[in-house]
Amino acid sequence: QVQLVESGGGLVQAGDSLRLSCVASSGTFSGYTMAWFRQAPEKEREFVSAITSSGSILDYAVSVKGRFTISRDNVRNTVSLQITSVKPEDTAVYYCARRSISHSYSYNAPEGYDYWGQGTQVTVPS
């Protein structure tokens, strides 16, 4: 069974930086596109960024472009999200996800991902 475990969230001040990490169980990571999504209270889960198995960045959400950087380490089975200049509107639970091999949905659609972590909370007071 695939397990994704996120870490790195917390309470930060506007303008701060933080790094989210997601570790995947071995043998289930290197061949897959990985992504970060987030969900704020009472809002739909939204796409943040995605990276291909070879490390090419597919896209960033407009709201995070220039402030967030996705990366991966296929040796350590880790995908990371570096967040800079964090804003109150970035407050959400952040999830990493593994894209389904079928690619039936676009890379920015939650339906296209078959494994999810439990999420890590990022809170930025206004």
Foldseek 3Di string as FASTA:
>chain_A
DKAKAKDWADEDEQQAKTKMKIAIDPPPALQWKKFKWWDDPPDDIWGAWIAGSVWHTDDGDPVQPPFWDWGDDNVRRMIMIIGGRDDQVVWTWMKMFTFDPVPPDPPGDPVRTDDIHPTDTHGYDD
